[in-house]
Protein backbone atom coordinates (compact mmCIF):
# COMPACT_ATOMS: atom_id res chain seq x y z
CA MET A 1 12.52 17.52 10.84
CA SER A 2 8.77 17.06 10.86
CA ASP A 3 6.73 17.26 14.06
CA VAL A 4 4.55 14.36 12.88
CA ALA A 5 5.64 10.85 13.86
CA GLN A 6 6.47 8.68 10.88
CA ILE A 7 7.33 5.09 10.01
CA ARG A 8 9.36 3.82 7.07
CA ILE A 9 7.39 2.02 4.41
CA ASN A 10 9.78 -0.95 4.39
CA GLU A 11 9.39 -1.34 8.18
CA LEU A 12 5.61 -1.22 7.88
CA ALA A 13 5.70 -3.78 5.05
CA ARG A 14 7.80 -6.12 7.18
CA GLU A 15 5.40 -5.68 10.12
CA LEU A 16 2.37 -6.41 7.93
CA GLU A 17 4.13 -9.20 6.02
CA VAL A 18 3.38 -7.62 2.65
CA LYS A 19 5.57 -6.28 -0.14
CA ALA A 20 6.48 -2.61 0.08
CA ARG A 21 5.15 -2.27 -3.49
CA ALA A 22 1.64 -3.21 -2.23
CA ILE A 23 1.80 -0.35 0.26
CA LEU A 24 3.16 2.09 -2.32
CA GLU A 25 0.29 1.27 -4.68
CA LEU A 26 -2.29 2.02 -1.97
CA LEU A 27 -0.85 5.35 -0.80
CA PRO A 28 -2.72 7.57 -3.30
CA GLY A 29 -6.00 6.13 -2.02
CA PHE A 30 -5.03 7.26 1.48
CA GLY A 31 -4.30 10.81 0.34
CA VAL A 32 -0.52 10.51 -0.02
CA THR A 33 0.23 12.33 -3.25
CA GLU A 34 4.00 12.82 -3.09
CA LYS A 35 6.25 10.25 -4.74
CA LYS A 36 7.36 7.59 -2.27
CA THR A 37 9.79 4.68 -2.33
CA HIS A 38 10.20 1.70 0.00
CA SER A 39 12.67 3.71 2.08
CA SER A 40 10.36 6.73 2.39
CA SER A 41 8.30 7.37 5.50
CA VAL A 42 4.58 7.86 6.00
CA ASP A 43 2.75 9.52 8.86
CA VAL A 44 1.60 7.19 11.61
CA ASP A 45 -2.05 7.99 10.87
CA VAL A 46 -1.58 6.72 7.30
CA ALA A 47 0.30 3.70 8.67
CA GLU A 48 -2.65 2.92 10.95
CA LYS A 49 -5.06 3.09 8.00
CA LEU A 50 -2.80 0.71 6.08
CA ARG A 51 -2.67 -1.68 9.05
CA LYS A 52 -6.47 -1.74 9.20
CA HIS A 53 -6.66 -2.29 5.44
CA PHE A 54 -4.30 -5.26 5.44
CA GLN A 55 -5.73 -6.75 8.65
CA GLY A 56 -9.16 -6.59 7.02
CA LEU A 57 -7.84 -8.61 4.08
CA GLY A 58 -6.47 -11.28 6.39
CA ALA A 59 -9.63 -11.63 8.46
């Protein structure tokens, strides 16, 4: 198990009220190069960047 805290992409999508696909499409831009699915997890630092991205769109 990884030492880095993580959150599932589908949980993050639900929190942000966006489709998991929207998050998956943005991951390469945030430096996530490995293949991910909606049930995969991302590090909390990436999740925070995604939160800021989507909150910026809603502002």
